[in-house]
PDB file of all heavy atoms in Angstrom:
ATOM      1  N   SER A   1      31.754  97.813 134.938  1.00  0.00           N
ATOM      2  CA  SER A   1      32.572  98.197 136.067  1.00  0.00           C
ATOM      3  C   SER A   1      34.005  98.087 135.542  1.00  0.00           C
ATOM      4  O   SER A   1      34.433  97.220 134.868  1.00  0.00           O
ATOM      5  CB  SER A   1      32.361  97.321 137.277  1.00  0.00           C
ATOM      6  OG  SER A   1      32.541  96.000 136.964  1.00  0.00           O
ATOM      7  N   GLN A   2      34.815  99.056 136.225  1.00  0.00           N
ATOM      8  CA  GLN A   2      36.340  99.007 135.839  1.00  0.00           C
ATOM      9  C   GLN A   2      37.003  97.875 136.718  1.00  0.00           C
ATOM     10  O   GLN A   2      36.598  97.566 137.830  1.00  0.00           O
ATOM     11  CB  GLN A   2      36.940 100.306 136.468  1.00  0.00           C
ATOM     12  CG  GLN A   2      36.424 101.515 135.592  1.00  0.00           C
ATOM     13  CD  GLN A   2      37.302 101.970 134.588  1.00  0.00           C
ATOM     14  OE1 GLN A   2      38.496 101.510 134.527  1.00  0.00           O
ATOM     15  NE2 GLN A   2      36.925 102.925 133.699  1.00  0.00           N
ATOM     16  N   PRO A   3      38.040  97.276 136.061  1.00  0.00           N
ATOM     17  CA  PRO A   3      38.681  96.195 136.757  1.00  0.00           C
ATOM     18  C   PRO A   3      39.514  96.725 137.997  1.00  0.00           C
ATOM     19  O   PRO A   3      40.127  97.811 137.823  1.00  0.00           O
ATOM     20  CB  PRO A   3      39.564  95.478 135.811  1.00  0.00           C
ATOM     21  CG  PRO A   3      39.752  96.571 134.704  1.00  0.00           C
ATOM     22  CD  PRO A   3      38.474  97.417 134.758  1.00  0.00           C
ATOM     23  N   GLY A   4      39.503  96.092 139.187  1.00  0.00           N
ATOM     24  CA  GLY A   4      40.206  96.602 140.353  1.00  0.00           C
ATOM     25  C   GLY A   4      41.687  96.137 140.209  1.00  0.00           C
ATOM     26  O   GLY A   4      42.028  95.604 139.299  1.00  0.00           O
ATOM     27  N   PRO A   5      42.363  96.645 141.222  1.00  0.00           N
ATOM     28  CA  PRO A   5      43.909  96.297 141.252  1.00  0.00           C
ATOM     29  C   PRO A   5      44.060  94.761 141.427  1.00  0.00           C
ATOM     30  O   PRO A   5      43.144  94.088 141.889  1.00  0.00           O
ATOM     31  CB  PRO A   5      44.434  97.043 142.483  1.00  0.00           C
ATOM     32  CG  PRO A   5      43.162  97.283 143.316  1.00  0.00           C
ATOM     33  CD  PRO A   5      42.041  97.337 142.426  1.00  0.00           C
ATOM     34  N   PRO A   6      45.201  94.369 140.862  1.00  0.00           N
ATOM     35  CA  PRO A   6      45.421  92.823 141.035  1.00  0.00           C
ATOM     36  C   PRO A   6      45.474  92.392 142.379  1.00  0.00           C
ATOM     37  O   PRO A   6      46.000  93.125 143.310  1.00  0.00           O
ATOM     38  CB  PRO A   6      46.761  92.644 140.306  1.00  0.00           C
ATOM     39  CG  PRO A   6      47.382  93.931 140.253  1.00  0.00           C
ATOM     40  CD  PRO A   6      46.370  94.948 140.203  1.00  0.00           C
ATOM     41  N   ALA A   7      44.914  91.272 142.677  1.00  0.00           N
ATOM     42  CA  ALA A   7      44.851  90.662 144.079  1.00  0.00           C
ATOM     43  C   ALA A   7      46.208  90.354 144.594  1.00  0.00           C
ATOM     44  O   ALA A   7      47.076  89.813 143.765  1.00  0.00           O
ATOM     45  CB  ALA A   7      43.984  89.446 144.106  1.00  0.00           C
ATOM     46  N   LYS A   8      46.549  90.629 145.802  1.00  0.00           N
ATOM     47  CA  LYS A   8      47.881  90.307 146.389  1.00  0.00           C
ATOM     48  C   LYS A   8      47.926  88.736 146.564  1.00  0.00           C
ATOM     49  O   LYS A   8      46.993  88.223 147.105  1.00  0.00           O
ATOM     50  CB  LYS A   8      48.029  90.898 147.695  1.00  0.00           C
ATOM     51  CG  LYS A   8      49.403  90.796 148.349  1.00  0.00           C
ATOM     52  CD  LYS A   8      49.396  91.567 149.507  1.00  0.00           C
ATOM     53  CE  LYS A   8      50.763  91.201 150.417  1.00  0.00           C
ATOM     54  NZ  LYS A   8      50.761  91.976 151.635  1.00  0.00           N
ATOM     55  N   PRO A   9      48.957  88.110 146.165  1.00  0.00           N
ATOM     56  CA  PRO A   9      49.040  86.574 146.315  1.00  0.00           C
ATOM     57  C   PRO A   9      49.108  86.334 147.771  1.00  0.00           C
ATOM     58  O   PRO A   9      49.782  86.943 148.550  1.00  0.00           O
ATOM     59  CB  PRO A   9      50.295  86.201 145.488  1.00  0.00           C
ATOM     60  CG  PRO A   9      51.038  87.369 145.386  1.00  0.00           C
ATOM     61  CD  PRO A   9      50.207  88.545 145.356  1.00  0.00           C
ATOM     62  N   PRO A  10      48.616  85.130 148.150  1.00  0.00           N
ATOM     63  CA  PRO A  10      48.835  84.690 149.591  1.00  0.00           C
ATOM     64  C   PRO A  10      50.291  84.387 149.898  1.00  0.00           C
ATOM     65  O   PRO A  10      51.019  84.226 149.071  1.00  0.00           O
ATOM     66  CB  PRO A  10      47.942  83.443 149.634  1.00  0.00           C
ATOM     67  CG  PRO A  10      47.804  82.914 148.225  1.00  0.00           C
ATOM     68  CD  PRO A  10      47.887  84.136 147.262  1.00  0.00           C
ATOM     69  N   ARG A  11      50.590  84.561 151.137  1.00  0.00           N
ATOM     70  CA  ARG A  11      51.884  84.240 151.537  1.00  0.00           C
ATOM     71  C   ARG A  11      52.554  82.897 151.176  1.00  0.00           C
ATOM     72  O   ARG A  11      53.656  82.757 150.806  1.00  0.00           O
ATOM     73  CB  ARG A  11      52.073  84.482 153.007  1.00  0.00           C
ATOM     74  CG  ARG A  11      52.042  85.923 153.460  1.00  0.00           C
ATOM     75  CD  ARG A  11      52.418  86.062 154.980  1.00  0.00           C
ATOM     76  NE  ARG A  11      52.223  87.478 155.188  1.00  0.00           N
ATOM     77  CZ  ARG A  11      52.991  88.051 156.226  1.00  0.00           C
ATOM     78  NH1 ARG A  11      53.890  87.254 156.852  1.00  0.00           N
ATOM     79  NH2 ARG A  11      52.818  89.314 156.504  1.00  0.00           N
ATOM     80  N   SER A  12      51.584  82.020 151.101  1.00  0.00           N
ATOM     81  CA  SER A  12      52.057  80.629 150.892  1.00  0.00           C
ATOM     82  C   SER A  12      52.490  80.545 149.425  1.00  0.00           C
ATOM     83  O   SER A  12      53.267  79.685 149.051  1.00  0.00           O
ATOM     84  CB  SER A  12      50.900  79.567 151.054  1.00  0.00           C
ATOM     85  OG  SER A  12      49.763  79.908 150.404  1.00  0.00           O
ATOM     86  N   ALA A  13      52.132  81.509 148.515  1.00  0.00           N
ATOM     87  CA  ALA A  13      52.447  81.439 147.158  1.00  0.00           C
ATOM     88  C   ALA A  13      53.848  82.154 146.883  1.00  0.00           C
ATOM     89  O   ALA A  13      54.424  81.966 145.843  1.00  0.00           O
ATOM     90  CB  ALA A  13      51.388  82.091 146.245  1.00  0.00           C
ATOM     91  N   LEU A  14      54.299  82.859 147.921  1.00  0.00           N
ATOM     92  CA  LEU A  14      55.629  83.666 147.720  1.00  0.00           C
ATOM     93  C   LEU A  14      56.710  82.578 147.823  1.00  0.00           C
ATOM     94  O   LEU A  14      56.743  81.727 148.694  1.00  0.00           O
ATOM     95  CB  LEU A  14      55.692  84.647 148.715  1.00  0.00           C
ATOM     96  CG  LEU A  14      54.723  85.809 148.593  1.00  0.00           C
ATOM     97  CD1 LEU A  14      54.944  86.856 149.741  1.00  0.00           C
ATOM     98  CD2 LEU A  14      54.818  86.632 147.350  1.00  0.00           C
ATOM     99  N   THR A  15      57.710  82.799 147.071  1.00  0.00           N
ATOM    100  CA  THR A  15      58.895  81.856 146.979  1.00  0.00           C
ATOM    101  C   THR A  15      60.101  82.576 147.569  1.00  0.00           C
ATOM    102  O   THR A  15      60.173  83.786 147.879  1.00  0.00           O
ATOM    103  CB  THR A  15      59.192  81.480 145.446  1.00  0.00           C
ATOM    104  OG1 THR A  15      59.593  82.564 144.853  1.00  0.00           O
ATOM    105  CG2 THR A  15      57.992  80.766 144.873  1.00  0.00           C
ATOM    106  N   MET A  16      61.080  81.724 147.705  1.00  0.00           N
ATOM    107  CA  MET A  16      62.446  82.299 148.214  1.00  0.00           C
ATOM    108  C   MET A  16      62.925  83.329 147.251  1.00  0.00           C
ATOM    109  O   MET A  16      63.540  84.352 147.619  1.00  0.00           O
ATOM    110  CB  MET A  16      63.459  81.134 148.435  1.00  0.00           C
ATOM    111  CG  MET A  16      64.698  81.627 148.931  1.00  0.00           C
ATOM    112  SD  MET A  16      64.698  82.360 150.626  1.00  0.00           S
ATOM    113  CE  MET A  16      64.427  80.880 151.664  1.00  0.00           C
ATOM    114  N   ARG A  17      62.696  83.216 145.888  1.00  0.00           N
ATOM    115  CA  ARG A  17      63.148  84.036 144.895  1.00  0.00           C
ATOM    116  C   ARG A  17      62.458  85.456 145.141  1.00  0.00           C
ATOM    117  O   ARG A  17      63.157  86.418 144.949  1.00  0.00           O
ATOM    118  CB  ARG A  17      62.863  83.498 143.512  1.00  0.00           C
ATOM    119  CG  ARG A  17      63.389  84.241 142.432  1.00  0.00           C
ATOM    120  CD  ARG A  17      63.192  83.523 141.155  1.00  0.00           C
ATOM    121  NE  ARG A  17      63.045  84.376 140.091  1.00  0.00           N
ATOM    122  CZ  ARG A  17      62.582  84.080 138.823  1.00  0.00           C
ATOM    123  NH1 ARG A  17      62.219  82.808 138.628  1.00  0.00           N
ATOM    124  NH2 ARG A  17      62.536  84.899 137.898  1.00  0.00           N
ATOM    125  N   ASP A  18      61.238  85.512 145.498  1.00  0.00           N
ATOM    126  CA  ASP A  18      60.466  86.711 145.730  1.00  0.00           C
ATOM    127  C   ASP A  18      61.171  87.368 147.004  1.00  0.00           C
ATOM    128  O   ASP A  18      61.374  88.584 146.987  1.00  0.00           O
ATOM    129  CB  ASP A  18      59.003  86.405 145.990  1.00  0.00           C
ATOM    130  CG  ASP A  18      58.372  85.848 144.818  1.00  0.00           C
ATOM    131  OD1 ASP A  18      58.630  86.250 143.662  1.00  0.00           O
ATOM    132  OD2 ASP A  18      57.451  84.999 144.999  1.00  0.00           O
ATOM    133  N   MET A  19      61.473  86.645 148.030  1.00  0.00           N
ATOM    134  CA  MET A  19      62.102  87.290 149.183  1.00  0.00           C
ATOM    135  C   MET A  19      63.496  87.888 148.965  1.00  0.00           C
ATOM    136  O   MET A  19      63.826  88.996 149.211  1.00  0.00           O
ATOM    137  CB  MET A  19      62.127  86.230 150.293  1.00  0.00           C
ATOM    138  CG  MET A  19      62.745  86.868 151.686  1.00  0.00           C
ATOM    139  SD  MET A  19      62.987  85.603 152.948  1.00  0.00           S
ATOM    140  CE  MET A  19      61.393  84.842 153.055  1.00  0.00           C
ATOM    141  N   ILE A  20      64.295  87.117 148.109  1.00  0.00           N
ATOM    142  CA  ILE A  20      65.671  87.615 147.712  1.00  0.00           C
ATOM    143  C   ILE A  20      65.520  88.841 146.848  1.00  0.00           C
ATOM    144  O   ILE A  20      66.265  89.907 147.094  1.00  0.00           O
ATOM    145  CB  ILE A  20      66.393  86.582 147.064  1.00  0.00           C
ATOM    146  CG1 ILE A  20      66.734  85.346 148.009  1.00  0.00           C
ATOM    147  CG2 ILE A  20      67.727  87.129 146.460  1.00  0.00           C
ATOM    148  CD1 ILE A  20      67.389  84.173 147.381  1.00  0.00           C
ATOM    149  N   GLY A  21      64.589  88.923 146.019  1.00  0.00           N
ATOM    150  CA  GLY A  21      64.307  90.132 145.216  1.00  0.00           C
ATOM    151  C   GLY A  21      64.032  91.347 145.994  1.00  0.00           C
ATOM    152  O   GLY A  21      64.496  92.363 145.815  1.00  0.00           O
ATOM    153  N   ALA A  22      63.096  91.067 146.987  1.00  0.00           N
ATOM    154  CA  ALA A  22      62.750  92.179 147.844  1.00  0.00           C
ATOM    155  C   ALA A  22      63.778  92.742 148.699  1.00  0.00           C
ATOM    156  O   ALA A  22      64.089  93.921 148.887  1.00  0.00           O
ATOM    157  CB  ALA A  22      61.582  91.805 148.874  1.00  0.00           C
ATOM    158  N   LEU A  23      64.779  91.739 149.161  1.00  0.00           N
ATOM    159  CA  LEU A  23      65.996  92.180 149.964  1.00  0.00           C
ATOM    160  C   LEU A  23      66.959  93.020 149.078  1.00  0.00           C
ATOM    161  O   LEU A  23      67.657  93.937 149.518  1.00  0.00           O
ATOM    162  CB  LEU A  23      66.586  90.995 150.563  1.00  0.00           C
ATOM    163  CG  LEU A  23      65.847  90.372 151.723  1.00  0.00           C
ATOM    164  CD1 LEU A  23      66.468  88.973 152.289  1.00  0.00           C
ATOM    165  CD2 LEU A  23      65.865  91.195 152.909  1.00  0.00           C
ATOM    166  N   VAL A  24      67.112  92.515 147.728  1.00  0.00           N
ATOM    167  CA  VAL A  24      67.995  93.269 146.899  1.00  0.00           C
ATOM    168  C   VAL A  24      67.476  94.674 146.710  1.00  0.00           C
ATOM    169  O   VAL A  24      68.303  95.625 146.738  1.00  0.00           O
ATOM    170  CB  VAL A  24      68.227  92.477 145.547  1.00  0.00           C
ATOM    171  CG1 VAL A  24      68.910  93.347 144.544  1.00  0.00           C
ATOM    172  CG2 VAL A  24      68.934  91.144 145.796  1.00  0.00           C
ATOM    173  N   VAL A  25      66.226  94.893 146.479  1.00  0.00           N
ATOM    174  CA  VAL A  25      65.667  96.227 146.290  1.00  0.00           C
ATOM    175  C   VAL A  25      65.900  96.947 147.444  1.00  0.00           C
ATOM    176  O   VAL A  25      66.359  98.232 147.450  1.00  0.00           O
ATOM    177  CB  VAL A  25      64.259  96.102 145.866  1.00  0.00           C
ATOM    178  CG1 VAL A  25      63.605  97.458 145.931  1.00  0.00           C
ATOM    179  CG2 VAL A  25      63.953  95.435 144.510  1.00  0.00           C
ATOM    180  N   LEU A  26      65.710  96.423 148.732  1.00  0.00           N
ATOM    181  CA  LEU A  26      65.804  97.190 149.887  1.00  0.00           C
ATOM    182  C   LEU A  26      67.308  97.584 150.098  1.00  0.00           C
ATOM    183  O   LEU A  26      67.678  98.633 150.480  1.00  0.00           O
ATOM    184  CB  LEU A  26      65.408  96.385 151.195  1.00  0.00           C
ATOM    185  CG  LEU A  26      65.465  96.980 152.503  1.00  0.00           C
ATOM    186  CD1 LEU A  26      64.641  98.266 152.554  1.00  0.00           C
ATOM    187  CD2 LEU A  26      65.055  96.012 153.561  1.00  0.00           C
ATOM    188  N   ALA A  27      68.179  96.663 149.871  1.00  0.00           N
ATOM    189  CA  ALA A  27      69.744  96.966 149.986  1.00  0.00           C
ATOM    190  C   ALA A  27      70.016  98.137 149.008  1.00  0.00           C
ATOM    191  O   ALA A  27      70.847  98.992 149.385  1.00  0.00           O
ATOM    192  CB  ALA A  27      70.500  95.670 149.703  1.00  0.00           C
ATOM    193  N   LEU A  28      69.480  98.129 147.746  1.00  0.00           N
ATOM    194  CA  LEU A  28      69.894  99.177 146.898  1.00  0.00           C
ATOM    195  C   LEU A  28      69.331 100.556 147.487  1.00  0.00           C
ATOM    196  O   LEU A  28      70.056 101.607 147.252  1.00  0.00           O
ATOM    197  CB  LEU A  28      69.305  98.920 145.540  1.00  0.00           C
ATOM    198  CG  LEU A  28      69.974  97.728 144.738  1.00  0.00           C
ATOM    199  CD1 LEU A  28      69.226  97.356 143.465  1.00  0.00           C
ATOM    200  CD2 LEU A  28      71.312  98.068 144.420  1.00  0.00           C
ATOM    201  N   VAL A  29      68.228 100.609 147.995  1.00  0.00           N
ATOM    202  CA  VAL A  29      67.566 101.737 148.516  1.00  0.00           C
ATOM    203  C   VAL A  29      68.493 102.306 149.684  1.00  0.00           C
ATOM    204  O   VAL A  29      68.826 103.451 149.711  1.00  0.00           O
ATOM    205  CB  VAL A  29      66.169 101.510 149.025  1.00  0.00           C
ATOM    206  CG1 VAL A  29      65.703 102.758 149.743  1.00  0.00           C
ATOM    207  CG2 VAL A  29      65.319 101.368 147.843  1.00  0.00           C
ATOM    208  N   VAL A  30      68.849 101.375 150.563  1.00  0.00           N
ATOM    209  CA  VAL A  30      69.789 101.834 151.709  1.00  0.00           C
ATOM    210  C   VAL A  30      71.088 102.376 151.308  1.00  0.00           C
ATOM    211  O   VAL A  30      71.521 103.350 151.675  1.00  0.00           O
ATOM    212  CB  VAL A  30      69.986 100.630 152.726  1.00  0.00           C
ATOM    213  CG1 VAL A  30      71.013 100.972 153.694  1.00  0.00           C
ATOM    214  CG2 VAL A  30      68.555 100.332 153.375  1.00  0.00           C
ATOM    215  N   LEU A  31      71.679 101.540 150.166  1.00  0.00           N
ATOM    216  CA  LEU A  31      73.016 102.174 149.818  1.00  0.00           C
ATOM    217  C   LEU A  31      72.892 103.460 149.036  1.00  0.00           C
ATOM    218  O   LEU A  31      73.705 104.271 149.203  1.00  0.00           O
ATOM    219  CB  LEU A  31      73.569 101.061 148.863  1.00  0.00           C
ATOM    220  CG  LEU A  31      74.135  99.820 149.437  1.00  0.00           C
ATOM    221  CD1 LEU A  31      74.477  98.700 148.306  1.00  0.00           C
ATOM    222  CD2 LEU A  31      75.258 100.106 150.358  1.00  0.00           C
ATOM    223  N   ALA A  32      71.832 103.636 148.239  1.00  0.00           N
ATOM    224  CA  ALA A  32      71.636 104.840 147.615  1.00  0.00           C
ATOM    225  C   ALA A  32      71.416 106.077 148.596  1.00  0.00           C
ATOM    226  O   ALA A  32      72.015 107.092 148.496  1.00  0.00           O
ATOM    227  CB  ALA A  32      70.445 104.814 146.673  1.00  0.00           C
ATOM    228  N   ALA A  33      70.618 105.732 149.576  1.00  0.00           N
ATOM    229  CA  ALA A  33      70.390 106.858 150.595  1.00  0.00           C
ATOM    230  C   ALA A  33      71.635 107.135 151.385  1.00  0.00           C
ATOM    231  O   ALA A  33      71.972 108.294 151.678  1.00  0.00           O
ATOM    232  CB  ALA A  33      69.333 106.424 151.685  1.00  0.00           C
ATOM    233  N   GLY A  34      72.497 106.143 151.669  1.00  0.00           N
ATOM    234  CA  GLY A  34      73.753 106.293 152.379  1.00  0.00           C
ATOM    235  C   GLY A  34      74.715 107.066 151.494  1.00  0.00           C
ATOM    236  O   GLY A  34      75.535 107.959 152.040  1.00  0.00           O
ATOM    237  N   GLY A  35      74.710 106.734 150.271  1.00  0.00           N
ATOM    238  CA  GLY A  35      75.697 107.351 149.335  1.00  0.00           C
ATOM    239  C   GLY A  35      75.323 108.899 149.148  1.00  0.00           C
ATOM    240  O   GLY A  35      76.220 109.765 149.081  1.00  0.00           O
TER     241      GLY A  35
END
C-alpha cells in the first residue's frame, strides 16, 4: 500500500512559533492582494 499523507499534529503540539509563522504568511498574502 502507498503511504498516506502525513498526519496533522494535535493542537496541543502546536507552539507559539507555529502560530506566528501562520500569521506572517497570512499578512503577506493580504499585503500582496492589497498591493
